[in-house]
Protein backbone atom coordinates (compact mmCIF):
# COMPACT_ATOMS: atom_id res chain seq x y z
CA MET A 1 10.69 -119.74 221.78
CA ASP A 2 8.98 -120.12 225.26
CA ALA A 3 8.37 -116.93 227.18
CA LEU A 4 10.79 -116.54 230.05
CA LYS A 5 9.32 -116.62 233.61
CA PRO A 6 9.52 -113.31 235.43
CA ALA A 7 12.81 -112.91 237.35
CA ALA A 8 10.94 -112.17 240.63
CA ALA A 9 9.04 -115.42 240.38
CA LEU A 10 12.20 -117.44 239.69
CA ALA A 11 14.00 -115.78 242.56
CA ALA A 12 11.11 -116.38 245.00
CA ALA A 13 11.05 -120.10 243.87
CA ALA A 14 14.80 -120.39 244.38
CA SER A 15 15.01 -118.54 247.68
CA LYS A 16 15.65 -120.97 250.45
CA PRO A 17 15.71 -119.43 254.01
CA TYR A 18 18.65 -120.14 256.22
CA PRO A 19 18.28 -120.66 259.98
CA ASN A 20 17.87 -117.43 261.86
CA ASP A 21 17.23 -115.33 258.67
CA SER A 22 15.21 -112.19 259.29
CA THR A 23 12.35 -111.41 257.02
CA ALA A 24 14.05 -108.22 255.94
CA TYR A 25 17.28 -110.22 254.94
CA ARG A 26 15.38 -112.80 252.98
CA ASP A 27 13.40 -110.19 251.13
CA ALA A 28 16.51 -108.21 250.22
CA ARG A 29 18.32 -111.49 249.18
CA THR A 30 15.34 -112.46 246.99
CA ALA A 31 15.24 -109.05 245.41
CA LEU A 32 19.05 -109.27 244.84
CA LEU A 33 18.62 -112.74 243.16
CA ALA A 34 15.86 -111.31 240.88
CA GLU A 35 18.20 -108.46 239.84
CA GLU A 36 21.03 -110.93 239.21
CA ILE A 37 18.64 -112.96 236.96
CA GLU A 38 17.79 -109.87 235.04
CA LEU A 39 21.47 -109.00 234.73
CA ARG A 40 22.30 -112.30 233.15
CA ARG A 41 19.44 -111.92 230.73
CA HIS A 42 20.60 -108.52 229.72
CA ILE A 43 24.18 -109.78 229.21
CA GLU A 44 22.74 -112.49 226.99
CA ARG A 45 20.64 -109.99 224.98
CA VAL A 46 23.76 -107.83 224.43
CA ALA A 47 25.77 -110.86 223.41
CA ALA A 48 23.11 -111.92 220.94
CA ARG A 49 23.17 -108.43 219.42
CA ARG A 50 27.10 -108.64 219.23
CA ARG A 51 26.78 -111.97 217.42
CA ALA A 52 24.23 -110.58 215.01
CA LEU A 53 26.45 -107.60 213.94
CA PRO A 54 27.41 -107.54 210.25
CA LEU A 55 30.97 -107.93 209.30
CA GLY A 56 32.95 -104.74 209.83
CA GLY A 57 35.52 -103.10 207.62
CA GLU A 58 38.92 -104.59 207.14
CA PRO A 59 42.06 -102.80 208.35
CA PRO A 60 44.31 -101.57 205.60
CA ASP A 61 47.26 -103.68 204.64
CA TYR A 62 50.42 -102.55 206.45
CA ARG A 63 54.10 -103.35 206.38
CA PHE A 64 56.69 -103.39 209.25
CA THR A 65 59.90 -101.70 208.75
CA ASP A 66 63.16 -102.53 210.28
CA GLU A 67 65.63 -100.21 212.01
CA ASN A 68 66.98 -98.95 208.54
CA GLY A 69 63.50 -98.06 207.26
CA ARG A 70 63.31 -100.99 204.85
CA ALA A 71 60.08 -103.00 204.56
CA VAL A 72 60.24 -106.30 206.38
CA PRO A 73 59.02 -109.17 204.14
CA ARG A 74 56.14 -111.29 205.42
CA ARG A 75 57.09 -114.72 206.53
CA HIS A 76 56.44 -117.55 204.11
CA GLY A 77 53.23 -119.34 204.87
CA HIS A 78 51.80 -116.50 206.91
CA PRO A 79 50.59 -113.93 204.31
CA GLY A 80 48.42 -112.08 206.88
CA ALA A 81 46.18 -112.33 209.91
CA ARG A 82 43.05 -112.66 207.68
CA HIS A 83 44.49 -115.79 206.01
CA PHE A 84 45.44 -117.22 209.45
CA ALA A 85 41.97 -116.48 210.85
CA ALA A 86 40.32 -118.17 207.80
CA ARG A 87 42.48 -121.23 208.08
CA ARG A 88 41.74 -121.48 211.81
CA LEU A 89 37.98 -121.18 211.12
CA CYS A 90 38.11 -123.88 208.50
CA ARG A 91 40.02 -126.16 210.82
CA HIS A 92 37.41 -125.73 213.59
CA ARG A 93 34.56 -126.23 211.15
CA ALA A 94 36.24 -129.48 210.05
CA LEU A 95 36.69 -130.63 213.73
CA ALA A 96 33.01 -129.69 214.40
CA GLY A 97 31.64 -131.60 211.48
CA GLY A 98 31.06 -128.48 209.34
CA LYS A 99 29.40 -126.48 211.95
CA ALA A 100 30.96 -123.13 213.14
CA THR A 101 29.56 -123.23 216.62
CA GLY A 102 31.74 -121.96 219.38
CA VAL A 103 34.53 -120.88 217.06
CA ARG A 104 36.73 -118.01 218.08
CA ALA A 105 38.58 -116.90 215.02
């Protein structure tokens, strides 16, 4: 992967003065743009770490009860959220040609 250009250099290159801008304003605006570039980079680093997390534990199986305290049966065809998420993932993979990019299960 290519090294990223420093945020200050990118901000300076992208900073275009407006008519009647003072030097102090333009310098502050360029510094702010550099901070925004760093913020976006930080957000992407955090998102990459989130995507790289290993799978977590699974919640315990639970049952709903009605007003009389009896267990409510699961509906036919929807045995649980894990099954639904897996079916949804398979459907998205099929639509994406077998790739799981951009899938939100």
